[in-house]
Amino acid sequence: MSLENLEQFIANADTAALEALLAREPGLAKAKTSLNVSPLMLSCYYNKPAATAVILKYAGQLNLFEAAAAGRFDDIAYLITTHPERIDFYTEDGFTALGLACYFGRYDIARYLVLKGADVNRPSDNGYNVYPLHSAAAGNFTSTATMLIENGADVNVKQSAGTTPLHSAAQNGNLELLILLLEKGAQVDIRMEGGKLPADLAREKGFDEIAEILG
């Protein structure tokens, strides 16, 4: 029941109840949740930064993936310095630290990982085939996406459903990223599952100028 309560408090960002629970049962901060991730990772996936802040008080030493998701640069630097061979390891749910940093918009951490040799073209290992550039583009994190591209990220990578970074940039109306992708050779004629082109997604969202650029 305590674990169930913990998950509910995280989902609702009920920081007072979460704090009280962890003060009584600090070990819960390192328990495995029903989604097979730690409470800290769960709070990040739910985008509940206040809950993340509470959990960090009790979580102790973070692993590489928790540090990447929570934006803990010093922890990342320590972990990569002491265990550089882990830089491209996967979480149990199939993401690399770089993939998580890009997904959560942690530019400084993503850049550091790339500088330390993280593979910018390593997809997720969970059937979704999500690359770091997919995550950055979908999240509208232009600086992170640009950094990845400047460090050799393939601009035409496809997720399992056929989505490319250009699809995401078009759907978000991100003209800056879209132009960069095109300059680096992004293909405008790749269709995602269901047959939609990047131009179709832009048009659906009312980004007619972008749809026009994409043909």
C-alpha atoms as a PDB file:
ATOM      1  CA  MET A   1       0.000   0.000   0.000  1.00  0.00           C
ATOM      2  CA  SER A   2       2.850   2.392   0.786  1.00  0.00           C
ATOM      3  CA  LEU A   3       4.264   1.987  -2.723  1.00  0.00           C
ATOM      4  CA  GLU A   4       0.837   2.549  -4.212  1.00  0.00           C
ATOM      5  CA  ASN A   5       0.501   5.716  -2.135  1.00  0.00           C
ATOM      6  CA  LEU A   6       3.942   6.828  -3.211  1.00  0.00           C
ATOM      7  CA  GLU A   7       3.019   6.563  -6.867  1.00  0.00           C
ATOM      8  CA  GLN A   8      -0.228   8.420  -6.285  1.00  0.00           C
ATOM      9  CA  PHE A   9       1.542  11.234  -4.424  1.00  0.00           C
ATOM     10  CA  ILE A  10       4.055  11.554  -7.259  1.00  0.00           C
ATOM     11  CA  ALA A  11       1.355  11.616  -9.936  1.00  0.00           C
ATOM     12  CA  ASN A  12      -0.587  14.281  -8.027  1.00  0.00           C
ATOM     13  CA  ALA A  13       2.547  16.223  -7.042  1.00  0.00           C
ATOM     14  CA  ASP A  14       1.321  16.022  -3.447  1.00  0.00           C
ATOM     15  CA  THR A  15       4.672  17.016  -2.017  1.00  0.00           C
ATOM     16  CA  ALA A  16       3.520  17.280   1.608  1.00  0.00           C
ATOM     17  CA  ALA A  17       2.187  13.729   1.624  1.00  0.00           C
ATOM     18  CA  LEU A  18       5.186  12.488  -0.322  1.00  0.00           C
ATOM     19  CA  GLU A  19       7.595  14.083   2.133  1.00  0.00           C
ATOM     20  CA  ALA A  20       5.755  12.620   5.103  1.00  0.00           C
ATOM     21  CA  LEU A  21       5.727   9.147   3.558  1.00  0.00           C
ATOM     22  CA  LEU A  22       9.418   9.155   2.694  1.00  0.00           C
ATOM     23  CA  ALA A  23      10.320  10.524   6.109  1.00  0.00           C
ATOM     24  CA  ARG A  24       8.601   7.464   7.614  1.00  0.00           C
ATOM     25  CA  GLU A  25       9.828   4.984   4.997  1.00  0.00           C
ATOM     26  CA  PRO A  26      12.937   6.405   3.306  1.00  0.00           C
ATOM     27  CA  GLY A  27      13.628   3.070   1.646  1.00  0.00           C
ATOM     28  CA  LEU A  28      10.685   3.671  -0.673  1.00  0.00           C
ATOM     29  CA  ALA A  29      12.775   6.257  -2.516  1.00  0.00           C
ATOM     30  CA  LYS A  30      14.779   3.393  -4.044  1.00  0.00           C
ATOM     31  CA  ALA A  31      11.886   0.962  -4.557  1.00  0.00           C
ATOM     32  CA  LYS A  32      10.761  -0.259  -7.976  1.00  0.00           C
ATOM     33  CA  THR A  33       7.409   1.229  -8.975  1.00  0.00           C
ATOM     34  CA  SER A  34       4.639  -0.571 -10.845  1.00  0.00           C
ATOM     35  CA  LEU A  35       5.985   0.918 -14.089  1.00  0.00           C
ATOM     36  CA  ASN A  36       9.315  -0.797 -13.442  1.00  0.00           C
ATOM     37  CA  VAL A  37      11.216   2.438 -12.873  1.00  0.00           C
ATOM     38  CA  SER A  38      12.422   4.129  -9.712  1.00  0.00           C
ATOM     39  CA  PRO A  39      10.268   6.758  -7.965  1.00  0.00           C
ATOM     40  CA  LEU A  40      12.691   9.429  -9.158  1.00  0.00           C
ATOM     41  CA  MET A  41      12.366   8.337 -12.778  1.00  0.00           C
ATOM     42  CA  LEU A  42       8.602   8.148 -12.376  1.00  0.00           C
ATOM     43  CA  SER A  43       8.474  11.751 -11.171  1.00  0.00           C
ATOM     44  CA  CYS A  44      10.524  12.803 -14.194  1.00  0.00           C
ATOM     45  CA  TYR A  45       8.297  10.909 -16.629  1.00  0.00           C
ATOM     46  CA  TYR A  46       5.237  12.493 -15.008  1.00  0.00           C
ATOM     47  CA  ASN A  47       6.925  15.906 -15.273  1.00  0.00           C
ATOM     48  CA  LYS A  48       6.464  16.624 -11.580  1.00  0.00           C
ATOM     49  CA  PRO A  49       9.614  18.583 -10.642  1.00  0.00           C
ATOM     50  CA  ALA A  50       8.362  19.377  -7.152  1.00  0.00           C
ATOM     51  CA  ALA A  51       7.984  15.655  -6.478  1.00  0.00           C
ATOM     52  CA  THR A  52      11.421  15.057  -7.973  1.00  0.00           C
ATOM     53  CA  ALA A  53      12.912  17.580  -5.558  1.00  0.00           C
ATOM     54  CA  VAL A  54      11.399  15.746  -2.583  1.00  0.00           C
ATOM     55  CA  ILE A  55      12.567  12.326  -3.750  1.00  0.00           C
ATOM     56  CA  LEU A  56      16.096  13.615  -4.294  1.00  0.00           C
ATOM     57  CA  LYS A  57      16.367  14.231  -0.558  1.00  0.00           C
ATOM     58  CA  TYR A  58      15.965  10.521   0.104  1.00  0.00           C
ATOM     59  CA  ALA A  59      17.290   8.829  -3.033  1.00  0.00           C
ATOM     60  CA  GLY A  60      20.961   8.780  -2.081  1.00  0.00           C
ATOM     61  CA  GLN A  61      23.432   8.029  -4.872  1.00  0.00           C
ATOM     62  CA  LEU A  62      21.718   8.280  -8.232  1.00  0.00           C
ATOM     63  CA  ASN A  63      22.468   6.023 -11.153  1.00  0.00           C
ATOM     64  CA  LEU A  64      23.476   7.431 -14.523  1.00  0.00           C
ATOM     65  CA  PHE A  65      19.956   7.423 -15.905  1.00  0.00           C
ATOM     66  CA  GLU A  66      18.320   9.057 -12.896  1.00  0.00           C
ATOM     67  CA  ALA A  67      20.972  11.767 -12.939  1.00  0.00           C
ATOM     68  CA  ALA A  68      20.402  12.403 -16.646  1.00  0.00           C
ATOM     69  CA  ALA A  69      16.633  12.590 -16.274  1.00  0.00           C
ATOM     70  CA  ALA A  70      16.733  14.806 -13.174  1.00  0.00           C
ATOM     71  CA  GLY A  71      19.323  17.186 -14.587  1.00  0.00           C
ATOM     72  CA  ARG A  72      22.022  16.442 -12.002  1.00  0.00           C
ATOM     73  CA  PHE A  73      25.145  17.505 -13.859  1.00  0.00           C
ATOM     74  CA  ASP A  74      27.623  16.932 -11.036  1.00  0.00           C
ATOM     75  CA  ASP A  75      26.346  13.389 -10.545  1.00  0.00           C
ATOM     76  CA  ILE A  76      26.657  12.706 -14.274  1.00  0.00           C
ATOM     77  CA  ALA A  77      30.226  14.029 -14.337  1.00  0.00           C
ATOM     78  CA  TYR A  78      31.192  11.857 -11.355  1.00  0.00           C
ATOM     79  CA  LEU A  79      29.563   8.737 -12.766  1.00  0.00           C
ATOM     80  CA  ILE A  80      31.107   9.111 -16.215  1.00  0.00           C
ATOM     81  CA  THR A  81      34.515   9.858 -14.726  1.00  0.00           C
ATOM     82  CA  THR A  82      34.415   6.767 -12.520  1.00  0.00           C
ATOM     83  CA  HIS A  83      32.652   4.465 -15.003  1.00  0.00           C
ATOM     84  CA  PRO A  84      33.233   5.783 -18.548  1.00  0.00           C
ATOM     85  CA  GLU A  85      32.351   2.394 -20.024  1.00  0.00           C
ATOM     86  CA  ARG A  86      28.721   2.871 -18.983  1.00  0.00           C
ATOM     87  CA  ILE A  87      28.113   5.931 -21.142  1.00  0.00           C
ATOM     88  CA  ASP A  88      26.069   4.037 -23.754  1.00  0.00           C
ATOM     89  CA  PHE A  89      24.410   1.549 -21.391  1.00  0.00           C
ATOM     90  CA  TYR A  90      20.635   1.152 -21.471  1.00  0.00           C
ATOM     91  CA  THR A  91      18.046   1.528 -18.735  1.00  0.00           C
ATOM     92  CA  GLU A  92      15.691  -1.361 -18.083  1.00  0.00           C
ATOM     93  CA  ASP A  93      13.099   0.475 -20.198  1.00  0.00           C
ATOM     94  CA  GLY A  94      15.563   0.752 -23.062  1.00  0.00           C
ATOM     95  CA  PHE A  95      16.985   4.279 -23.097  1.00  0.00           C
ATOM     96  CA  THR A  96      20.535   5.580 -22.908  1.00  0.00           C
ATOM     97  CA  ALA A  97      21.559   8.427 -20.625  1.00  0.00           C
ATOM     98  CA  LEU A  98      21.924  10.640 -23.706  1.00  0.00           C
ATOM     99  CA  GLY A  99      18.468   9.658 -24.890  1.00  0.00           C
ATOM    100  CA  LEU A 100      16.991  10.596 -21.525  1.00  0.00           C
ATOM    101  CA  ALA A 101      18.885  13.882 -21.353  1.00  0.00           C
ATOM    102  CA  CYS A 102      17.507  14.792 -24.788  1.00  0.00           C
ATOM    103  CA  TYR A 103      13.988  13.683 -23.889  1.00  0.00           C
ATOM    104  CA  PHE A 104      13.937  15.830 -20.758  1.00  0.00           C
ATOM    105  CA  GLY A 105      15.667  18.820 -22.356  1.00  0.00           C
ATOM    106  CA  ARG A 106      18.847  18.628 -20.266  1.00  0.00           C
ATOM    107  CA  TYR A 107      21.094  20.432 -22.728  1.00  0.00           C
ATOM    108  CA  ASP A 108      24.193  20.726 -20.536  1.00  0.00           C
ATOM    109  CA  ILE A 109      24.112  17.049 -19.680  1.00  0.00           C
ATOM    110  CA  ALA A 110      23.441  15.990 -23.274  1.00  0.00           C
ATOM    111  CA  ARG A 111      26.354  18.116 -24.482  1.00  0.00           C
ATOM    112  CA  TYR A 112      28.654  16.732 -21.791  1.00  0.00           C
ATOM    113  CA  LEU A 113      27.752  13.154 -22.660  1.00  0.00           C
ATOM    114  CA  VAL A 114      28.406  13.777 -26.341  1.00  0.00           C
ATOM    115  CA  LEU A 115      31.750  15.396 -25.548  1.00  0.00           C
ATOM    116  CA  LYS A 116      32.616  12.316 -23.507  1.00  0.00           C
ATOM    117  CA  GLY A 117      31.837  10.025 -26.420  1.00  0.00           C
ATOM    118  CA  ALA A 118      28.172   9.087 -26.134  1.00  0.00           C
ATOM    119  CA  ASP A 119      26.841   7.676 -29.422  1.00  0.00           C
ATOM    120  CA  VAL A 120      24.470  10.231 -30.936  1.00  0.00           C
ATOM    121  CA  ASN A 121      23.123   7.573 -33.287  1.00  0.00           C
ATOM    122  CA  ARG A 122      22.255   4.894 -30.748  1.00  0.00           C
ATOM    123  CA  PRO A 123      18.482   4.253 -30.718  1.00  0.00           C
ATOM    124  CA  SER A 124      16.424   3.058 -27.800  1.00  0.00           C
ATOM    125  CA  ASP A 125      16.465  -0.684 -27.177  1.00  0.00           C
ATOM    126  CA  ASN A 126      12.783  -1.168 -26.458  1.00  0.00           C
ATOM    127  CA  GLY A 127      11.112  -1.654 -29.819  1.00  0.00           C
ATOM    128  CA  TYR A 128      10.359   2.031 -30.386  1.00  0.00           C
ATOM    129  CA  ASN A 129      13.669   2.819 -32.100  1.00  0.00           C
ATOM    130  CA  VAL A 130      13.800   6.318 -30.628  1.00  0.00           C
ATOM    131  CA  TYR A 131      17.051   8.167 -31.316  1.00  0.00           C
ATOM    132  CA  PRO A 132      18.323  11.107 -29.231  1.00  0.00           C
ATOM    133  CA  LEU A 133      17.509  13.455 -32.114  1.00  0.00           C
ATOM    134  CA  HIS A 134      13.919  12.210 -32.168  1.00  0.00           C
ATOM    135  CA  SER A 135      13.549  13.068 -28.488  1.00  0.00           C
ATOM    136  CA  ALA A 136      15.099  16.508 -28.835  1.00  0.00           C
ATOM    137  CA  ALA A 137      13.019  17.363 -31.909  1.00  0.00           C
ATOM    138  CA  ALA A 138       9.762  16.071 -30.448  1.00  0.00           C
ATOM    139  CA  GLY A 139      10.355  18.007 -27.231  1.00  0.00           C
ATOM    140  CA  ASN A 140      11.120  21.182 -29.215  1.00  0.00           C
ATOM    141  CA  PHE A 141      14.560  21.409 -27.625  1.00  0.00           C
ATOM    142  CA  THR A 142      16.220  23.241 -30.504  1.00  0.00           C
ATOM    143  CA  SER A 143      19.618  23.813 -28.891  1.00  0.00           C
ATOM    144  CA  THR A 144      19.930  20.158 -27.977  1.00  0.00           C
ATOM    145  CA  ALA A 145      18.837  19.012 -31.431  1.00  0.00           C
ATOM    146  CA  THR A 146      21.306  21.418 -33.045  1.00  0.00           C
ATOM    147  CA  MET A 147      24.125  20.130 -30.857  1.00  0.00           C
ATOM    148  CA  LEU A 148      23.329  16.549 -31.831  1.00  0.00           C
ATOM    149  CA  ILE A 149      23.252  17.396 -35.530  1.00  0.00           C
ATOM    150  CA  GLU A 150      26.556  19.267 -35.263  1.00  0.00           C
ATOM    151  CA  ASN A 151      28.023  16.131 -33.712  1.00  0.00           C
ATOM    152  CA  GLY A 152      26.967  13.777 -36.467  1.00  0.00           C
ATOM    153  CA  ALA A 153      23.381  12.794 -35.686  1.00  0.00           C
ATOM    154  CA  ASP A 154      21.669  11.255 -38.717  1.00  0.00           C
ATOM    155  CA  VAL A 155      18.810  13.598 -39.646  1.00  0.00           C
ATOM    156  CA  ASN A 156      16.754  10.926 -41.429  1.00  0.00           C
ATOM    157  CA  VAL A 157      16.473   8.334 -38.669  1.00  0.00           C
ATOM    158  CA  LYS A 158      13.046   6.729 -38.290  1.00  0.00           C
ATOM    159  CA  GLN A 159      11.200   5.670 -35.175  1.00  0.00           C
ATOM    160  CA  SER A 160       9.263   2.413 -35.262  1.00  0.00           C
ATOM    161  CA  ALA A 161       6.195   4.257 -36.582  1.00  0.00           C
ATOM    162  CA  GLY A 162       8.253   5.932 -39.299  1.00  0.00           C
ATOM    163  CA  THR A 163       8.466   9.347 -37.658  1.00  0.00           C
ATOM    164  CA  THR A 164      11.567  11.368 -38.507  1.00  0.00           C
ATOM    165  CA  PRO A 165      12.979  14.461 -36.777  1.00  0.00           C
ATOM    166  CA  LEU A 166      11.574  16.491 -39.671  1.00  0.00           C
ATOM    167  CA  HIS A 167       8.068  15.239 -38.885  1.00  0.00           C
ATOM    168  CA  SER A 168       8.452  16.501 -35.315  1.00  0.00           C
ATOM    169  CA  ALA A 169       9.910  19.861 -36.311  1.00  0.00           C
ATOM    170  CA  ALA A 170       7.082  20.367 -38.806  1.00  0.00           C
ATOM    171  CA  GLN A 171       4.406  19.381 -36.301  1.00  0.00           C
ATOM    172  CA  ASN A 172       5.873  21.750 -33.696  1.00  0.00           C
ATOM    173  CA  GLY A 173       6.156  24.621 -36.146  1.00  0.00           C
ATOM    174  CA  ASN A 174       9.859  24.859 -35.346  1.00  0.00           C
ATOM    175  CA  LEU A 175      11.147  26.751 -38.374  1.00  0.00           C
ATOM    176  CA  GLU A 176      14.705  27.113 -37.041  1.00  0.00           C
ATOM    177  CA  LEU A 177      15.152  23.394 -36.532  1.00  0.00           C
ATOM    178  CA  LEU A 178      13.322  22.561 -39.741  1.00  0.00           C
ATOM    179  CA  ILE A 179      15.675  24.730 -41.811  1.00  0.00           C
ATOM    180  CA  LEU A 180      18.721  23.169 -40.137  1.00  0.00           C
ATOM    181  CA  LEU A 181      17.420  19.677 -40.820  1.00  0.00           C
ATOM    182  CA  LEU A 182      16.817  20.536 -44.462  1.00  0.00           C
ATOM    183  CA  GLU A 183      20.297  22.051 -44.775  1.00  0.00           C
ATOM    184  CA  LYS A 184      21.740  18.804 -43.432  1.00  0.00           C
ATOM    185  CA  GLY A 185      19.860  16.681 -45.952  1.00  0.00           C
ATOM    186  CA  ALA A 186      16.581  15.793 -44.254  1.00  0.00           C
ATOM    187  CA  GLN A 187      14.237  14.151 -46.737  1.00  0.00           C
ATOM    188  CA  VAL A 188      10.803  15.751 -47.127  1.00  0.00           C
ATOM    189  CA  ASP A 189       9.210  12.695 -48.765  1.00  0.00           C
ATOM    190  CA  ILE A 190       9.478  10.159 -45.929  1.00  0.00           C
ATOM    191  CA  ARG A 191       6.033   8.979 -44.857  1.00  0.00           C
ATOM    192  CA  MET A 192       5.296   7.920 -41.312  1.00  0.00           C
ATOM    193  CA  GLU A 193       2.926   5.109 -40.423  1.00  0.00           C
ATOM    194  CA  GLY A 194      -0.426   6.102 -41.899  1.00  0.00           C
ATOM    195  CA  GLY A 195       1.225   7.779 -44.866  1.00  0.00           C
ATOM    196  CA  LYS A 196       1.686  11.331 -43.590  1.00  0.00           C
ATOM    197  CA  LEU A 197       4.522  13.521 -44.769  1.00  0.00           C
ATOM    198  CA  PRO A 198       6.108  16.264 -42.628  1.00  0.00           C
ATOM    199  CA  ALA A 199       4.187  18.804 -44.706  1.00  0.00           C
ATOM    200  CA  ASP A 200       0.906  17.099 -43.810  1.00  0.00           C
ATOM    201  CA  LEU A 201       1.609  17.411 -40.089  1.00  0.00           C
ATOM    202  CA  ALA A 202       2.531  21.077 -40.449  1.00  0.00           C
ATOM    203  CA  ARG A 203      -0.653  21.790 -42.392  1.00  0.00           C
ATOM    204  CA  GLU A 204      -2.803  20.010 -39.800  1.00  0.00           C
ATOM    205  CA  LYS A 205      -1.339  22.241 -37.092  1.00  0.00           C
ATOM    206  CA  GLY A 206      -1.895  25.402 -39.099  1.00  0.00           C
ATOM    207  CA  PHE A 207       1.758  25.987 -39.961  1.00  0.00           C
ATOM    208  CA  ASP A 208       1.041  26.792 -43.563  1.00  0.00           C
ATOM    209  CA  GLU A 209       4.373  28.528 -44.202  1.00  0.00           C
ATOM    210  CA  ILE A 210       6.247  25.430 -43.132  1.00  0.00           C
ATOM    211  CA  ALA A 211       3.944  23.198 -45.159  1.00  0.00           C
ATOM    212  CA  GLU A 212       4.728  25.377 -48.177  1.00  0.00           C
ATOM    213  CA  ILE A 213       8.475  25.077 -47.587  1.00  0.00           C
ATOM    214  CA  LEU A 214       8.161  21.317 -47.373  1.00  0.00           C
ATOM    215  CA  GLY A 215       6.128  21.166 -50.558  1.00  0.00           C
END
